Amino acid sequence: MNYLYALVAGLYLGVPIALTATVPTKLNYTLFNPTPPSVMRELSTDRPDQTESPYTVDAGHFQIELDMAKGSWDHDKATGNDLVSREQNFANANLKIGLTNSIDLQLIATPFNSTEAEDRVSNTTIKSTGFGDFSTRLKINVWGNDEGDSAFAIMPFIKWPLPVSAIRNGKTEGGIIFPYSRALSETMGLGTMLELDFVSNGAILETEYFTTATVSQTFSEQLGGYVEIAVRLIPNAPWQSQFDLGTTYGFSDDLQFDVGANIGFTPDAPDLTVFAGITWRR
């Protein structure tokens, strides 16, 4: 009865009343005080499209997003070249850990990589294999994690300077990502992203710009798909553009399978990339 009196008085006087006993909050959940399964968000991933998601992993839970297999192919015939490049990756992993209700930590490793460059002019082939780069990212949701039709996040990241190899340049690099998403209808969504990459050219860090736009469609409770445009701008080099498409299938609330392809639009973009992956949340 006291709550009723307070509510009536608050409405009459124009004073907002917070009935904390009846309004649940997720702000108190942390890595060491996990979010209960009953109030966790729907599974949201940074794959399979190239557009990152603005939604974080719930506090105290982890999520692994895995490229089971990924292959790229490119044939460069510009300025008299005849160079065929092939790349295969296996088990590229992004391990996410929910630190708070709006922040997660991401550990990214590319353990199994194989590249091959075939120069058909000089009739030579160079092959390289090995462990790739290791990166960490921090995703900070600014709004929309648990409510609303839109969401936005900030994602700073760093690539650590592992020893130089045929696969790695051994440089400290990093950047920042700004992902945004919006619901277009109950079954369709829009995602966009702007990414600034600080990349070493050997002497200094240069800034590359990467931007994407993706439209996703839910076809059923388990099946979804997307189409995407991705553009990369590199200093003193031609711009690169890709058209991407793929599909996802959810086996459960915490397990999702995906396949997709990225198709190069411009000469400097890889001609074709295909992949299959999986996401599991705990």
Protein backbone atom coordinates (compact mmCIF):
# COMPACT_ATOMS: atom_id res chain seq x y z
CA MET A 1 0.00 0.00 0.00
CA ASN A 2 2.89 2.39 0.75
CA TYR A 3 4.16 1.85 -2.84
CA LEU A 4 0.69 2.82 -4.14
CA TYR A 5 0.65 6.03 -2.08
CA ALA A 6 4.16 6.92 -3.30
CA LEU A 7 3.19 6.28 -6.90
CA VAL A 8 0.04 8.42 -6.71
CA ALA A 9 1.95 11.23 -4.98
CA GLY A 10 4.73 11.05 -7.53
CA LEU A 11 2.36 11.24 -10.49
CA TYR A 12 0.42 14.10 -8.91
CA LEU A 13 3.52 16.15 -8.05
CA GLY A 14 5.36 15.34 -11.27
CA VAL A 15 8.20 13.63 -9.34
CA PRO A 16 9.63 10.44 -10.93
CA ILE A 17 9.38 7.48 -8.58
CA ALA A 18 11.77 4.49 -8.91
CA LEU A 19 10.25 1.32 -7.48
CA THR A 20 13.50 -0.59 -7.36
CA ALA A 21 11.81 -3.58 -5.78
CA THR A 22 9.85 -4.26 -8.97
CA VAL A 23 12.28 -3.09 -11.71
CA PRO A 24 15.06 -5.60 -12.39
CA THR A 25 18.49 -4.33 -13.40
CA LYS A 26 21.49 -6.05 -15.02
CA LEU A 27 24.02 -3.38 -14.06
CA ASN A 28 25.19 -5.27 -10.98
CA TYR A 29 26.29 -8.34 -12.93
CA THR A 30 30.03 -8.73 -13.54
CA LEU A 31 32.59 -11.34 -14.51
CA PHE A 32 32.44 -12.66 -10.94
CA ASN A 33 28.66 -12.22 -10.56
CA PRO A 34 27.35 -13.73 -13.81
CA THR A 35 24.11 -12.75 -15.50
CA PRO A 36 21.44 -15.41 -14.84
CA PRO A 37 20.46 -17.36 -17.99
CA SER A 38 16.85 -16.19 -17.66
CA VAL A 39 17.77 -12.55 -18.43
CA MET A 40 20.59 -13.06 -20.94
CA ARG A 41 20.39 -11.37 -24.33
CA GLU A 42 19.81 -13.27 -27.56
CA LEU A 43 22.98 -14.65 -29.15
CA SER A 44 24.76 -11.91 -31.11
CA THR A 45 27.95 -12.48 -33.09
CA ASP A 46 30.66 -10.54 -34.90
CA ARG A 47 30.56 -13.13 -37.67
CA PRO A 48 29.91 -14.26 -40.36
CA ASP A 49 29.68 -10.85 -42.06
CA GLN A 50 32.54 -8.33 -41.82
CA THR A 51 30.35 -5.85 -39.91
CA GLU A 52 30.97 -6.06 -36.17
CA SER A 53 28.03 -6.23 -33.78
CA PRO A 54 27.49 -3.48 -31.17
CA TYR A 55 26.12 -6.01 -28.65
CA THR A 56 28.36 -7.44 -25.93
CA VAL A 57 28.47 -10.86 -24.28
CA ASP A 58 26.56 -10.93 -20.99
CA ALA A 59 28.63 -10.48 -17.85
CA GLY A 60 30.28 -13.62 -16.53
CA HIS A 61 29.76 -15.62 -19.73
CA PHE A 62 32.06 -16.44 -22.62
CA GLN A 63 31.53 -16.96 -26.33
CA ILE A 64 33.81 -18.45 -28.95
CA GLU A 65 33.46 -17.57 -32.64
CA LEU A 66 35.44 -19.88 -34.85
CA ASP A 67 36.43 -20.03 -38.52
CA MET A 68 36.46 -23.79 -38.98
CA ALA A 69 37.87 -23.28 -42.49
CA LYS A 70 38.49 -20.21 -44.63
CA GLY A 71 40.07 -19.84 -48.06
CA SER A 72 40.91 -16.86 -50.29
CA TRP A 73 41.92 -16.72 -53.94
CA ASP A 74 43.14 -13.80 -56.05
CA HIS A 75 44.51 -13.43 -59.60
CA ASP A 76 46.38 -10.18 -60.24
CA LYS A 77 47.03 -9.29 -63.89
CA ALA A 78 47.56 -5.55 -63.41
CA THR A 79 50.56 -3.81 -65.05
CA GLY A 80 51.84 -6.95 -66.71
CA ASN A 81 51.64 -9.15 -63.63
CA ASP A 82 50.34 -12.69 -63.61
CA LEU A 83 50.26 -13.46 -59.89
CA VAL A 84 47.94 -16.01 -58.28
CA SER A 85 47.60 -15.82 -54.50
CA ARG A 86 45.96 -18.45 -52.31
CA GLU A 87 45.43 -18.43 -48.55
CA GLN A 88 43.93 -20.99 -46.18
CA ASN A 89 43.10 -20.50 -42.50
CA PHE A 90 41.87 -23.03 -39.98
CA ALA A 91 40.51 -22.53 -36.46
CA ASN A 92 40.81 -18.74 -36.43
CA ALA A 93 39.19 -17.95 -33.08
CA ASN A 94 37.67 -14.99 -31.28
CA LEU A 95 37.16 -15.75 -27.58
CA LYS A 96 34.88 -13.22 -25.88
CA ILE A 97 34.50 -12.78 -22.12
CA GLY A 98 31.75 -10.63 -20.59
CA LEU A 99 33.29 -8.30 -17.99
CA THR A 100 30.23 -6.17 -17.19
CA ASN A 101 26.76 -5.78 -18.66
CA SER A 102 28.12 -3.42 -21.32
CA ILE A 103 31.80 -4.42 -21.78
CA ASP A 104 33.41 -7.58 -23.09
CA LEU A 105 37.04 -8.54 -23.71
CA GLN A 106 37.99 -10.35 -26.93
CA LEU A 107 41.09 -12.46 -27.59
CA ILE A 108 41.72 -13.20 -31.28
CA ALA A 109 44.20 -15.79 -32.57
CA THR A 110 44.94 -17.13 -36.06
CA PRO A 111 46.87 -20.35 -35.32
CA PHE A 112 46.87 -22.24 -38.63
CA ASN A 113 47.70 -20.21 -41.75
CA SER A 114 49.00 -21.17 -45.18
CA THR A 115 49.77 -18.76 -48.02
CA GLU A 116 50.95 -19.40 -51.56
CA ALA A 117 52.04 -16.82 -54.16
CA GLU A 118 52.51 -18.16 -57.69
CA ASP A 119 54.24 -15.80 -60.12
CA ARG A 120 53.40 -17.13 -63.57
CA VAL A 121 55.70 -14.61 -65.27
CA SER A 122 58.86 -15.75 -63.49
CA ASN A 123 57.51 -19.27 -62.95
CA THR A 124 58.19 -19.18 -59.21
CA THR A 125 56.05 -20.09 -56.21
CA ILE A 126 56.50 -18.99 -52.59
CA LYS A 127 54.71 -20.89 -49.82
CA SER A 128 54.48 -19.97 -46.15
CA THR A 129 52.79 -21.58 -43.16
CA GLY A 130 52.61 -20.85 -39.46
CA PHE A 131 50.93 -19.12 -36.54
CA GLY A 132 49.46 -15.74 -37.44
CA ASP A 133 48.79 -12.66 -35.34
CA PHE A 134 47.33 -12.32 -31.84
CA SER A 135 45.03 -9.39 -31.03
CA THR A 136 42.90 -8.13 -28.15
CA ARG A 137 39.78 -6.00 -28.40
CA LEU A 138 37.52 -4.29 -25.90
CA LYS A 139 33.89 -3.79 -26.91
CA ILE A 140 32.06 -1.04 -25.02
CA ASN A 141 28.34 -0.79 -25.70
CA VAL A 142 27.19 2.83 -25.54
CA TRP A 143 23.46 2.20 -25.94
CA GLY A 144 20.96 -0.44 -26.97
CA ASN A 145 22.42 -3.57 -25.40
CA ASP A 146 19.16 -4.60 -23.72
CA GLU A 147 16.47 -2.34 -25.13
CA GLY A 148 15.56 -0.12 -28.06
CA ASP A 149 15.60 -0.50 -31.84
CA SER A 150 19.23 0.60 -32.26
CA ALA A 151 22.61 -0.04 -30.68
CA PHE A 152 26.08 1.51 -30.86
CA ALA A 153 29.47 0.49 -29.50
CA ILE A 154 33.13 1.53 -29.45
CA MET A 155 35.82 -1.14 -29.99
CA PRO A 156 39.50 -0.25 -29.52
CA PHE A 157 41.91 -3.05 -30.43
CA ILE A 158 45.61 -3.84 -30.61
CA LYS A 159 47.67 -6.41 -32.53
CA TRP A 160 50.63 -7.54 -30.47
CA PRO A 161 54.19 -7.63 -31.90
CA LEU A 162 54.90 -11.35 -32.10
CA PRO A 163 58.30 -12.26 -33.63
CA VAL A 164 58.64 -11.62 -37.37
CA SER A 165 57.84 -14.56 -39.63
CA ALA A 166 56.70 -15.19 -43.19
CA ILE A 167 53.14 -14.78 -41.87
CA ARG A 168 53.64 -11.89 -39.39
CA ASN A 169 55.23 -8.45 -39.75
CA GLY A 170 56.23 -8.30 -36.06
CA LYS A 171 54.81 -4.79 -35.59
CA THR A 172 52.49 -3.35 -32.98
CA GLU A 173 49.35 -2.21 -34.79
CA GLY A 174 45.84 -1.34 -33.72
CA GLY A 175 42.80 0.76 -34.32
CA ILE A 176 39.23 1.50 -33.30
CA ILE A 177 35.85 0.32 -34.60
CA PHE A 178 32.45 2.01 -34.36
CA PRO A 179 29.65 -0.52 -35.02
CA TYR A 180 25.98 0.51 -35.25
CA SER A 181 22.84 -1.52 -35.83
CA ARG A 182 19.15 -0.77 -36.24
CA ALA A 183 16.03 -2.88 -36.59
CA LEU A 184 14.23 -2.24 -39.89
CA SER A 185 11.34 -4.57 -39.06
CA GLU A 186 10.64 -7.58 -36.85
CA THR A 187 12.69 -9.81 -39.18
CA MET A 188 15.12 -7.41 -40.91
CA GLY A 189 18.05 -5.43 -39.55
CA LEU A 190 20.70 -2.97 -40.75
CA GLY A 191 24.28 -2.93 -39.55
CA THR A 192 27.04 -0.45 -40.37
CA MET A 193 30.60 0.01 -39.22
CA LEU A 194 33.49 2.43 -39.52
CA GLU A 195 36.95 1.09 -38.67
CA LEU A 196 40.24 2.97 -38.45
CA ASP A 197 43.31 0.74 -38.72
CA PHE A 198 46.74 2.05 -37.72
CA VAL A 199 49.02 -0.10 -39.91
CA SER A 200 52.81 -0.13 -40.06
CA ASN A 201 54.41 0.53 -43.45
CA GLY A 202 57.84 -0.30 -42.02
CA ALA A 203 58.74 3.16 -40.77
CA ILE A 204 55.53 4.83 -39.54
CA LEU A 205 51.91 3.97 -38.83
CA GLU A 206 49.47 4.81 -41.59
CA THR A 207 45.71 5.02 -41.22
CA GLU A 208 43.51 2.76 -43.30
CA TYR A 209 39.73 3.16 -43.38
CA PHE A 210 37.34 0.22 -43.55
CA THR A 211 33.57 0.68 -43.75
CA THR A 212 30.73 -1.77 -44.23
CA ALA A 213 26.95 -1.94 -44.49
CA THR A 214 24.97 -5.15 -44.10
CA VAL A 215 21.29 -6.07 -44.25
CA SER A 216 20.21 -9.22 -42.41
CA GLN A 217 16.98 -11.16 -42.76
CA THR A 218 15.48 -13.77 -40.44
CA PHE A 219 13.63 -16.43 -42.41
CA SER A 220 12.63 -18.69 -39.54
CA GLU A 221 13.45 -19.26 -35.88
CA GLN A 222 16.67 -21.03 -36.90
CA LEU A 223 17.56 -19.69 -40.37
CA GLY A 224 18.93 -16.26 -41.28
CA GLY A 225 20.91 -14.60 -44.05
CA TYR A 226 22.65 -11.38 -45.02
CA VAL A 227 24.08 -9.33 -47.88
CA GLU A 228 26.86 -6.79 -47.37
CA ILE A 229 29.08 -4.20 -49.03
CA ALA A 230 32.60 -3.62 -47.64
CA VAL A 231 35.07 -0.91 -48.71
CA ARG A 232 38.70 -0.41 -47.66
CA LEU A 233 40.69 2.78 -48.32
CA ILE A 234 44.49 2.44 -48.17
CA PRO A 235 46.91 5.42 -48.43
CA ASN A 236 48.60 5.69 -51.83
CA ALA A 237 46.83 2.58 -53.14
CA PRO A 238 43.64 1.79 -55.07
CA TRP A 239 40.51 1.32 -52.99
CA GLN A 240 39.11 -2.15 -52.41
CA SER A 241 35.47 -3.22 -52.42
CA GLN A 242 33.70 -6.53 -51.78
CA PHE A 243 30.16 -7.87 -52.02
CA ASP A 244 29.43 -10.43 -49.29
CA LEU A 245 26.62 -12.86 -48.64
CA GLY A 246 25.99 -15.72 -46.25
CA THR A 247 23.58 -17.65 -44.11
CA THR A 248 23.31 -18.71 -40.47
CA TYR A 249 21.56 -21.63 -38.77
CA GLY A 250 20.89 -21.74 -35.04
CA PHE A 251 20.93 -25.20 -33.49
CA SER A 252 20.02 -23.74 -30.08
CA ASP A 253 19.97 -20.43 -28.21
CA ASP A 254 23.74 -20.76 -27.70
CA LEU A 255 25.00 -22.55 -30.83
CA GLN A 256 25.06 -21.19 -34.40
CA PHE A 257 26.59 -22.41 -37.67
CA ASP A 258 27.38 -20.16 -40.66
CA VAL A 259 28.70 -20.23 -44.21
CA GLY A 260 29.45 -17.32 -46.53
CA ALA A 261 31.44 -15.80 -49.36
CA ASN A 262 33.11 -12.43 -50.02
CA ILE A 263 33.43 -11.48 -53.69
CA GLY A 264 35.89 -8.81 -54.85
CA PHE A 265 34.45 -5.89 -56.83
CA THR A 266 37.69 -4.02 -57.51
CA PRO A 267 41.03 -5.34 -58.89
CA ASP A 268 42.96 -4.92 -55.63
CA ALA A 269 40.39 -6.79 -53.52
CA PRO A 270 40.70 -10.57 -53.16
CA ASP A 271 38.67 -12.20 -55.94
CA LEU A 272 36.92 -14.69 -53.69
CA THR A 273 36.87 -15.70 -50.02
CA VAL A 274 34.73 -18.59 -48.75
CA PHE A 275 34.35 -19.80 -45.17
CA ALA A 276 32.40 -21.91 -42.71
CA GLY A 277 32.25 -21.19 -39.02
CA ILE A 278 30.53 -21.78 -35.72
CA THR A 279 29.66 -19.79 -32.59
CA TRP A 280 29.13 -21.25 -29.13
CA ARG A 281 28.17 -19.38 -25.97
CA ARG A 282 28.45 -20.58 -22.41
